Protein backbone atom coordinates (compact mmCIF):
# COMPACT_ATOMS: atom_id res chain seq x y z
CA MET A 1 -31.88 -55.82 63.73
CA ASP A 2 -31.76 -52.01 63.65
CA ARG A 3 -29.71 -50.04 61.10
CA ARG A 4 -26.96 -49.05 63.55
CA THR A 5 -26.37 -52.67 64.68
CA CYS A 6 -26.28 -53.86 61.07
CA LEU A 7 -23.67 -51.27 60.09
CA ALA A 8 -21.56 -52.12 63.13
CA ARG A 9 -21.52 -55.84 62.27
CA LEU A 10 -20.62 -55.10 58.64
CA SER A 11 -17.71 -52.97 59.88
CA LEU A 12 -16.49 -55.80 62.06
CA LEU A 13 -16.66 -58.22 59.15
CA GLY A 14 -14.66 -55.79 57.03
CA GLY A 15 -12.08 -55.48 59.81
CA LEU A 16 -11.75 -59.25 60.08
CA ALA A 17 -11.27 -59.63 56.36
CA LEU A 18 -8.61 -56.96 55.89
CA PRO A 19 -5.96 -55.26 58.01
CA ALA A 20 -6.40 -51.60 58.91
CA GLY A 21 -6.40 -49.38 55.80
CA ALA A 22 -6.32 -52.32 53.42
CA ALA A 23 -10.06 -52.22 52.72
CA HIS A 24 -9.77 -48.64 51.49
CA ARG A 25 -6.79 -49.45 49.29
CA SER A 26 -8.54 -52.54 47.93
CA LEU A 27 -11.59 -50.56 46.86
CA LEU A 28 -9.44 -47.97 45.08
CA ALA A 29 -7.62 -50.74 43.27
CA GLN A 30 -10.89 -52.21 42.04
CA ALA A 31 -12.40 -49.00 40.62
CA PRO A 32 -12.95 -48.75 37.78
CA ALA A 33 -13.32 -52.39 36.72
CA PRO A 34 -10.51 -54.00 34.69
CA ALA A 35 -10.55 -53.29 30.97
CA LEU A 36 -12.04 -55.86 28.64
CA GLU A 37 -9.63 -58.46 27.34
CA VAL A 38 -8.65 -58.25 23.69
CA ARG A 39 -6.13 -60.13 21.64
CA GLY A 40 -2.72 -59.02 22.87
CA GLY A 41 -3.93 -57.58 26.20
CA ARG A 42 -6.62 -55.38 27.71
CA LEU A 43 -8.73 -53.01 25.63
CA ARG A 44 -7.38 -49.52 26.15
CA ILE A 45 -7.28 -46.06 24.59
CA THR A 46 -4.12 -45.76 22.49
CA ASP A 47 -4.60 -42.31 20.99
CA ILE A 48 -6.99 -39.35 20.87
CA LYS A 49 -6.84 -36.68 18.19
CA THR A 50 -8.90 -33.80 16.85
CA ILE A 51 -9.79 -33.26 13.23
CA LEU A 52 -10.67 -29.68 12.27
CA THR A 53 -12.46 -29.38 8.96
CA ALA A 54 -14.95 -27.15 7.14
CA PRO A 55 -16.49 -28.98 4.17
CA ALA A 56 -19.48 -26.58 4.18
CA GLY A 57 -17.43 -23.51 5.13
CA ILE A 58 -18.31 -23.89 8.84
CA ARG A 59 -15.57 -24.74 11.36
CA LEU A 60 -16.17 -28.24 12.76
CA VAL A 61 -14.25 -30.05 15.50
CA VAL A 62 -14.37 -33.86 15.51
CA VAL A 63 -12.60 -36.13 18.01
CA LYS A 64 -11.28 -39.56 17.09
CA VAL A 65 -10.51 -42.06 19.87
CA LEU A 66 -8.38 -45.05 18.84
CA THR A 67 -8.10 -48.30 20.78
CA SER A 68 -5.75 -51.25 21.17
CA GLU A 69 -8.13 -53.43 19.15
CA PRO A 70 -7.09 -53.11 15.50
CA GLY A 71 -9.58 -51.06 13.50
CA LEU A 72 -11.72 -50.16 16.52
CA TYR A 73 -12.15 -46.40 16.95
CA GLY A 74 -14.92 -43.93 17.65
CA LEU A 75 -15.91 -40.44 16.52
CA GLY A 76 -17.44 -37.60 18.52
CA CYS A 77 -18.49 -34.00 17.92
CA ALA A 78 -16.73 -31.23 19.87
CA THR A 79 -17.75 -28.29 17.70
CA PHE A 80 -17.62 -24.86 19.30
CA THR A 81 -17.28 -23.05 16.00
CA GLN A 82 -16.37 -19.65 17.45
CA ARG A 83 -13.45 -21.15 19.44
CA ALA A 84 -12.52 -24.25 17.45
CA ARG A 85 -8.79 -24.25 18.14
CA VAL A 86 -9.29 -23.67 21.85
CA VAL A 87 -11.36 -26.88 22.06
CA ALA A 88 -8.74 -28.73 20.01
CA THR A 89 -6.09 -27.62 22.51
CA ALA A 90 -8.23 -28.84 25.42
CA VAL A 91 -8.53 -32.27 23.80
CA ASP A 92 -4.99 -32.67 22.45
CA GLN A 93 -2.99 -31.22 25.33
CA TYR A 94 -5.15 -31.98 28.37
CA LEU A 95 -7.68 -34.79 27.89
CA ARG A 96 -5.47 -36.95 25.67
CA PRO A 97 -2.63 -37.45 28.20
CA PHE A 98 -5.18 -37.87 30.98
CA LEU A 99 -7.04 -40.68 29.16
CA LEU A 100 -4.33 -42.65 27.34
CA GLY A 101 -4.25 -46.27 28.49
CA LYS A 102 -7.72 -46.21 30.05
CA ASP A 103 -10.58 -48.57 29.25
CA PRO A 104 -12.82 -46.95 26.59
CA THR A 105 -15.85 -48.90 27.80
CA GLN A 106 -15.75 -47.16 31.20
CA ILE A 107 -17.76 -44.27 29.74
CA GLU A 108 -19.31 -42.91 32.92
CA ASP A 109 -16.06 -42.97 34.87
CA ILE A 110 -14.19 -41.25 32.03
CA TRP A 111 -16.88 -38.56 31.80
CA GLN A 112 -16.86 -37.88 35.54
CA SER A 113 -13.08 -37.89 35.93
CA SER A 114 -12.58 -35.70 32.85
CA TRP A 115 -15.17 -33.22 34.10
CA LEU A 116 -13.44 -32.96 37.47
CA SER A 117 -9.90 -32.97 36.11
CA SER A 118 -9.68 -29.22 35.50
CA TYR A 119 -11.26 -28.34 38.87
CA TRP A 120 -12.90 -25.25 37.27
CA ARG A 121 -15.70 -26.78 35.23
CA ASN A 122 -18.98 -26.25 33.31
CA GLY A 123 -17.57 -24.03 30.56
CA PRO A 124 -18.23 -24.48 26.83
CA VAL A 125 -14.60 -25.31 25.97
CA LEU A 126 -14.20 -28.17 28.45
CA ASN A 127 -17.74 -29.44 27.86
CA ASN A 128 -17.18 -29.64 24.11
CA ALA A 129 -13.85 -31.37 24.62
CA ILE A 130 -15.46 -33.93 26.94
CA SER A 131 -18.30 -34.38 24.46
CA GLY A 132 -15.96 -35.24 21.61
CA VAL A 133 -14.43 -38.02 23.69
CA ASP A 134 -17.77 -39.10 25.18
CA MET A 135 -19.57 -39.54 21.85
CA ALA A 136 -16.55 -41.41 20.49
CA LEU A 137 -16.66 -43.83 23.43
CA TRP A 138 -20.35 -44.54 22.85
CA ASP A 139 -19.51 -45.09 19.17
CA ILE A 140 -16.80 -47.58 20.20
CA LEU A 141 -19.18 -49.38 22.55
CA GLY A 142 -21.76 -49.77 19.79
CA LYS A 143 -19.18 -51.06 17.34
CA ARG A 144 -17.84 -53.54 19.89
CA ALA A 145 -21.37 -54.78 20.61
CA GLY A 146 -22.22 -54.90 16.92
CA LEU A 147 -25.30 -52.72 17.53
CA PRO A 148 -26.46 -49.27 16.44
CA LEU A 149 -26.23 -46.82 19.31
CA TYR A 150 -29.99 -46.42 19.76
CA GLN A 151 -30.15 -50.11 20.70
CA LEU A 152 -27.67 -49.55 23.54
CA LEU A 153 -29.81 -46.63 24.71
CA GLY A 154 -32.89 -48.85 25.05
CA GLY A 155 -34.09 -49.43 21.49
CA LYS A 156 -36.35 -47.49 19.17
CA CYS A 157 -39.36 -45.58 20.45
CA ARG A 158 -40.22 -44.49 16.88
CA ARG A 159 -39.44 -45.48 13.31
CA ALA A 160 -37.79 -42.19 12.37
CA VAL A 161 -37.15 -38.70 13.75
CA ASP A 162 -39.53 -35.86 12.87
CA THR A 163 -37.67 -32.67 11.94
CA TYR A 164 -38.12 -29.00 11.20
CA ARG A 165 -36.44 -26.75 8.65
CA HIS A 166 -35.84 -23.00 8.41
CA ALA A 167 -37.98 -20.79 6.15
CA SER A 168 -37.18 -17.10 5.77
CA GLY A 169 -37.65 -14.17 3.44
CA GLN A 170 -37.61 -10.42 2.96
CA THR A 171 -41.39 -10.13 2.89
CA LEU A 172 -44.44 -11.95 4.25
CA GLU A 173 -45.01 -13.46 0.82
CA GLU A 174 -41.43 -14.68 0.47
CA VAL A 175 -41.61 -16.47 3.82
CA GLU A 176 -44.92 -18.05 2.76
CA GLU A 177 -43.33 -19.31 -0.47
CA SER A 178 -40.41 -20.77 1.48
CA VAL A 179 -42.78 -22.58 3.85
CA ARG A 180 -44.75 -24.02 0.92
CA ARG A 181 -41.53 -25.37 -0.62
CA PHE A 182 -40.71 -27.25 2.57
CA GLN A 183 -44.27 -28.52 2.85
CA ALA A 184 -43.98 -29.91 -0.67
CA GLN A 185 -40.91 -31.86 0.50
CA GLY A 186 -42.91 -33.47 3.31
CA TYR A 187 -42.03 -31.26 6.28
CA ARG A 188 -44.75 -30.70 8.85
CA HIS A 189 -42.80 -28.40 11.21
CA ILE A 190 -41.15 -25.24 9.87
CA ARG A 191 -39.34 -22.42 11.63
CA VAL A 192 -40.24 -19.01 10.17
CA GLN A 193 -38.07 -15.88 10.31
CA ILE A 194 -38.50 -12.58 8.46
CA ALA A 195 -36.11 -9.73 7.68
CA VAL A 196 -36.62 -6.38 9.35
CA PRO A 197 -35.88 -3.77 6.65
CA GLY A 198 -32.50 -2.12 7.16
CA GLN A 199 -31.49 -4.38 10.04
CA ALA A 200 -29.36 -7.47 10.62
CA THR A 201 -32.20 -9.85 11.46
CA TYR A 202 -31.41 -13.27 12.88
CA GLY A 203 -32.31 -16.16 10.61
CA SER A 204 -33.14 -14.07 7.54
CA ARG A 205 -29.73 -14.04 5.78
CA THR A 206 -29.86 -10.24 5.54
CA ALA A 207 -27.04 -9.20 7.88
CA ARG A 208 -25.57 -5.93 6.65
CA ALA A 209 -22.63 -3.99 8.00
CA VAL A 210 -23.20 -0.37 8.92
CA PRO A 211 -20.32 1.63 7.33
CA ASP A 212 -18.12 3.12 10.02
CA PRO A 213 -15.50 5.61 8.76
CA ALA A 214 -13.51 5.12 11.96
CA ALA A 215 -13.35 1.32 11.59
CA GLN A 216 -10.04 0.25 10.06
CA ARG A 217 -10.66 -3.50 10.28
CA ASP A 218 -13.50 -5.93 9.67
CA ASN A 219 -13.56 -6.72 13.39
CA ALA A 220 -15.02 -3.25 14.06
CA GLN A 221 -17.77 -3.23 11.42
CA ALA A 222 -21.10 -3.01 13.22
CA LEU A 223 -24.40 -4.69 12.37
CA LEU A 224 -27.55 -2.75 13.20
CA TRP A 225 -30.30 -4.16 15.43
CA GLU A 226 -33.30 -2.49 17.10
CA PRO A 227 -35.86 -4.84 18.71
CA LYS A 228 -39.13 -2.90 18.51
CA PRO A 229 -39.64 -3.05 14.71
CA TYR A 230 -39.01 -6.80 14.92
CA CYS A 231 -41.55 -7.23 17.74
CA ARG A 232 -44.18 -5.46 15.62
CA LEU A 233 -43.41 -7.45 12.46
CA VAL A 234 -43.33 -11.05 13.74
CA PRO A 235 -47.02 -11.18 14.85
CA ARG A 236 -47.95 -9.89 11.38
CA LEU A 237 -45.93 -12.74 9.86
CA PHE A 238 -47.74 -15.37 11.93
CA GLU A 239 -51.13 -13.82 11.16
CA HIS A 240 -50.36 -13.89 7.43
CA LEU A 241 -49.14 -17.49 7.46
CA ARG A 242 -52.12 -18.79 9.42
CA LYS A 243 -54.52 -17.09 7.02
CA GLN A 244 -52.73 -18.43 3.95
CA LEU A 245 -51.64 -21.88 5.17
CA GLY A 246 -54.19 -22.84 7.81
CA ASP A 247 -53.46 -24.96 10.86
CA GLU A 248 -52.00 -28.08 9.28
CA VAL A 249 -48.43 -26.79 9.36
CA GLU A 250 -46.67 -26.35 12.69
CA LEU A 251 -44.90 -22.97 12.89
CA LEU A 252 -41.85 -22.27 15.07
CA HIS A 253 -39.89 -19.08 15.67
CA ASP A 254 -36.53 -18.20 17.24
CA VAL A 255 -36.23 -14.92 19.17
CA HIS A 256 -32.53 -15.76 19.71
CA GLU A 257 -32.27 -13.78 22.96
CA ARG A 258 -32.20 -10.51 21.00
CA VAL A 259 -35.11 -8.76 22.71
CA PRO A 260 -35.26 -7.16 26.19
CA PRO A 261 -37.23 -9.46 28.52
CA ILE A 262 -40.28 -7.22 28.87
CA LEU A 263 -40.61 -6.93 25.06
CA ALA A 264 -40.08 -10.68 24.71
CA MET A 265 -42.93 -11.35 27.11
CA GLN A 266 -45.26 -9.14 25.10
CA LEU A 267 -44.15 -10.77 21.83
CA VAL A 268 -44.78 -14.31 23.08
CA LYS A 269 -48.21 -13.25 24.34
CA ASP A 270 -49.01 -11.57 21.00
CA LEU A 271 -48.14 -14.80 19.14
CA GLU A 272 -50.39 -17.04 21.24
CA PRO A 273 -53.52 -16.62 19.01
CA TYR A 274 -51.55 -18.10 16.08
CA ARG A 275 -50.75 -21.35 17.92
CA PRO A 276 -46.98 -21.68 17.41
CA PHE A 277 -45.45 -25.12 17.99
CA PHE A 278 -42.90 -23.30 20.13
CA ILE A 279 -41.10 -20.00 20.52
CA GLU A 280 -37.39 -20.45 21.08
CA ASP A 281 -35.03 -18.55 23.40
CA PRO A 282 -37.24 -15.60 24.33
CA PHE A 283 -34.70 -14.80 27.08
CA SER A 284 -30.95 -15.06 27.56
CA PRO A 285 -29.52 -17.58 30.04
CA GLU A 286 -28.77 -14.57 32.22
CA ASP A 287 -32.48 -13.68 32.30
CA ILE A 288 -34.05 -17.07 33.09
CA GLY A 289 -35.77 -15.58 36.14
CA TYR A 290 -38.33 -14.13 33.75
CA PHE A 291 -39.67 -17.58 32.80
CA GLU A 292 -41.78 -17.74 35.93
CA HIS A 293 -43.55 -14.52 34.91
CA LEU A 294 -43.89 -15.63 31.28
CA ARG A 295 -45.59 -18.90 32.28
CA LYS A 296 -48.29 -16.98 34.14
CA LEU A 297 -48.83 -14.70 31.15
CA THR A 298 -49.32 -17.10 28.25
CA ALA A 299 -49.77 -20.76 27.24
CA THR A 300 -47.48 -20.42 24.21
CA PRO A 301 -45.04 -23.38 24.26
CA ILE A 302 -41.47 -22.34 25.01
CA ALA A 303 -38.16 -23.93 23.94
CA MET A 304 -34.94 -22.99 25.71
CA GLY A 305 -31.36 -24.09 26.21
CA GLU A 306 -29.16 -23.56 23.14
CA LEU A 307 -26.61 -21.61 25.19
CA PHE A 308 -26.76 -23.70 28.36
CA ASN A 309 -23.56 -25.27 29.69
CA SER A 310 -24.42 -26.37 33.22
CA ARG A 311 -27.22 -28.43 34.72
CA HIS A 312 -27.86 -25.52 37.08
CA GLU A 313 -29.13 -23.46 34.14
CA TRP A 314 -31.89 -25.85 33.09
CA LEU A 315 -32.77 -28.03 36.08
CA ASP A 316 -35.00 -25.48 37.81
CA LEU A 317 -36.75 -24.57 34.56
CA VAL A 318 -37.58 -28.24 33.99
CA THR A 319 -38.62 -29.25 37.49
CA ARG A 320 -40.82 -26.17 37.87
CA ARG A 321 -42.36 -26.82 34.43
CA LEU A 322 -41.45 -23.36 33.15
CA ILE A 323 -40.43 -24.56 29.67
CA ASP A 324 -41.90 -27.14 27.28
CA PHE A 325 -38.88 -28.13 25.15
CA ILE A 326 -35.24 -28.52 26.17
CA ARG A 327 -33.11 -27.20 23.35
CA VAL A 328 -29.48 -27.80 24.28
CA HIS A 329 -26.48 -28.23 22.00
CA LEU A 330 -25.37 -31.76 22.94
CA SER A 331 -21.65 -31.07 22.79
CA GLN A 332 -22.11 -27.87 24.83
CA VAL A 333 -23.43 -29.85 27.81
CA GLY A 334 -20.88 -32.66 27.61
CA GLY A 335 -22.19 -35.12 25.03
CA LEU A 336 -24.45 -38.16 25.11
CA THR A 337 -23.75 -39.15 28.71
CA MET A 338 -25.17 -35.89 30.06
CA ALA A 339 -27.88 -35.52 27.40
CA ARG A 340 -29.48 -38.90 28.09
CA LYS A 341 -29.66 -38.05 31.80
CA MET A 342 -31.17 -34.70 30.91
CA ALA A 343 -33.78 -36.37 28.72
CA ALA A 344 -34.72 -38.77 31.54
CA ILE A 345 -35.21 -35.91 34.00
CA CYS A 346 -37.24 -33.96 31.45
CA GLU A 347 -39.50 -36.97 30.89
CA MET A 348 -40.58 -36.84 34.55
CA PHE A 349 -41.82 -33.25 34.07
CA ALA A 350 -43.43 -33.55 30.60
CA VAL A 351 -40.66 -31.54 28.93
CA ARG A 352 -39.86 -32.72 25.41
CA THR A 353 -36.54 -32.61 23.57
CA ALA A 354 -35.58 -30.39 20.64
CA TRP A 355 -31.80 -30.74 20.39
CA HIS A 356 -29.88 -27.96 18.66
CA GLY A 357 -29.05 -29.03 15.11
CA PRO A 358 -27.68 -26.21 12.90
CA GLY A 359 -24.72 -26.22 10.50
CA ASP A 360 -22.23 -25.77 13.32
CA VAL A 361 -23.02 -29.23 14.62
CA SER A 362 -20.90 -31.74 12.71
CA PRO A 363 -22.58 -34.65 10.92
CA VAL A 364 -21.20 -36.81 13.75
CA GLY A 365 -23.10 -34.62 16.23
CA HIS A 366 -26.25 -34.85 14.13
CA ALA A 367 -25.96 -38.64 14.14
CA ALA A 368 -25.70 -38.56 17.95
CA ASN A 369 -28.80 -36.34 18.11
CA VAL A 370 -30.80 -38.72 15.97
CA HIS A 371 -29.79 -41.90 17.83
CA LEU A 372 -30.83 -40.31 21.11
CA ASP A 373 -34.06 -39.03 19.53
CA LEU A 374 -34.97 -42.56 18.48
CA ALA A 375 -34.49 -44.00 21.95
CA ILE A 376 -36.20 -41.53 24.28
CA PRO A 377 -39.97 -41.48 24.92
CA ASN A 378 -40.19 -37.69 25.41
CA PHE A 379 -38.79 -36.72 22.02
CA GLY A 380 -40.37 -33.54 20.67
CA ILE A 381 -38.79 -32.41 17.40
CA GLN A 382 -35.32 -32.27 15.83
CA GLU A 383 -33.78 -29.30 14.05
CA ALA A 384 -32.51 -30.66 10.73
CA ARG A 385 -29.77 -29.82 8.27
CA GLU A 386 -29.58 -30.96 4.67
CA PHE A 387 -25.95 -31.96 4.31
CA THR A 388 -23.94 -30.65 1.38
CA GLN A 389 -22.31 -33.14 -0.96
CA ALA A 390 -18.92 -32.23 0.49
CA GLU A 391 -20.17 -33.02 4.02
CA GLN A 392 -21.54 -36.36 2.86
CA ASP A 393 -18.22 -37.19 1.19
CA VAL A 394 -16.13 -36.26 4.24
CA PHE A 395 -18.57 -37.97 6.63
CA PRO A 396 -19.87 -41.17 4.95
CA GLY A 397 -23.06 -42.37 6.64
CA CYS A 398 -24.70 -39.01 7.41
CA PRO A 399 -28.28 -39.32 8.69
CA GLU A 400 -30.68 -39.23 5.75
CA LEU A 401 -33.47 -36.65 5.39
CA ARG A 402 -36.56 -38.11 3.71
CA ASP A 403 -40.22 -36.99 3.84
CA GLY A 404 -39.46 -34.61 6.70
CA TYR A 405 -37.81 -37.30 8.85
CA TYR A 406 -34.24 -38.16 9.77
CA TRP A 407 -33.35 -41.80 9.22
CA VAL A 408 -30.16 -43.41 10.54
CA HIS A 409 -28.19 -46.29 9.17
CA ASP A 410 -28.32 -49.49 11.21
CA LYS A 411 -24.55 -49.85 11.25
CA PRO A 412 -22.90 -50.42 14.63
CA GLY A 413 -22.26 -47.39 16.81
CA LEU A 414 -23.17 -43.98 15.41
CA GLY A 415 -23.09 -45.43 11.90
CA ILE A 416 -21.00 -42.57 10.52
CA ASP A 417 -17.35 -42.37 9.51
CA LEU A 418 -14.76 -39.73 8.62
CA ASP A 419 -12.49 -39.59 5.59
CA GLU A 420 -9.48 -37.84 7.14
CA ALA A 421 -7.65 -37.33 3.85
CA LEU A 422 -10.68 -35.66 2.32
CA ALA A 423 -11.34 -33.65 5.49
CA ALA A 424 -7.84 -32.21 5.17
CA ARG A 425 -8.83 -30.73 1.82
CA PHE A 426 -11.32 -28.51 3.66
CA PRO A 427 -9.19 -26.76 6.31
CA ILE A 428 -10.78 -24.34 8.73
CA GLN A 429 -10.15 -20.63 8.22
CA ASP A 430 -7.94 -18.84 10.75
CA ASP A 431 -8.06 -15.33 9.33
CA PRO A 432 -10.43 -14.31 10.73
CA PRO A 433 -10.47 -17.02 13.42
CA PHE A 434 -14.27 -16.70 13.75
CA ASP A 435 -17.15 -14.72 12.27
CA TYR A 436 -16.74 -11.19 13.61
CA SER A 437 -20.47 -10.53 13.38
CA TRP A 438 -20.57 -12.30 16.77
CA GLY A 439 -19.86 -9.43 19.14
CA ASN A 440 -20.55 -6.63 16.65
CA LEU A 441 -24.35 -6.47 16.72
CA ARG A 442 -25.18 -2.97 17.95
CA HIS A 443 -28.06 -0.61 18.55
CA ARG A 444 -28.32 2.61 16.60
CA ASP A 445 -26.44 4.50 19.35
CA GLY A 446 -23.53 2.04 19.18
CA THR A 447 -24.38 -0.09 22.23
CA VAL A 448 -23.41 -3.73 21.74
CA THR A 449 -26.27 -6.23 22.12
CA LYS A 450 -26.74 -10.00 22.23
CA PRO A 451 -26.46 -11.85 18.93
């Protein structure tokens, strides 16, 4: 029987079974599947709320999804620290009414319908809002199954998650000392950044405002940045560290999109003799066309993606093998549902993961990172944060850093909780509503540049 005949007969069978139009209505009525039965009725979402807190002085946005099963709830990270209240509004006033009463186990359908619900999509605000809900739903699913999340994602591919930490200093020697301290704690991968004298250098904790007599407010105080001194200094740093530390330690570096593409290409080429584990974000998302030229120029491994929102920003880079590590912020791309698909695509093209993991990812987000890291075969490395005591108190069950690895608790779901009463004792700051250094990095002539 040919394909056309087969389809015709199936259509006739459908017509015999249902009157005209009824088949279509029947399918709509069946999708998605009915919610799971619980005592007192079907399992459903009864409330969604955001918790804004800053136990380490960094604005965090966490989403809590409650269900009709007593005591069953989930947590997710929705942190966009520069626009925290905008994300909270997106969750509280738009996603919450859209999702109330729905089945929390229908994770894929909720992700897709939420993504389409605003029509205009792919932005960081909506993606973070969706992520907060999405991670919380995976947390609920794990708790309902009585399994840690990595088991639902396919089980462990490794015992623990290898991490890297950030070493910096004012001089070559200070950076070396910082690296040695991390090595003594068991870390094998270390990101190295050095201050450029007189400039606000990323990653070096030396940002200084340039006094401006005309500036009446903090929001107009500029930070100075010129790329060429930095491009001359970083190869000297790598040369020094290789001579002093040898090849046993893996060295990483973040350009942080601060350098014009042609200078970035020269810098990455200059660093190749020192065998970096990877160089991060040599270009901005707006300049990804340069990756094709960079790949032909050097074999230095490249990590990219911290600022990506949409699949259209990374898919071509992965499928054309123009990067080596995907470096997205999980909540920025929509949470675990999108990130696990991304990891699967990357596996097909030998691209490893290196999820974004700084202080402006909540401990809930870090837990999601680590569970996914455990379950995927193409894991590369995980950026780590040593949680403050206040963070550990507000978020019981934080992933544990030990011997350079992240270890998760084998509790169901993400294995992490939130003490809402304690979180309320660390409110976010609204004056200023975000760090004004973002948007005030400028060249010597006053031209604003990327942060």
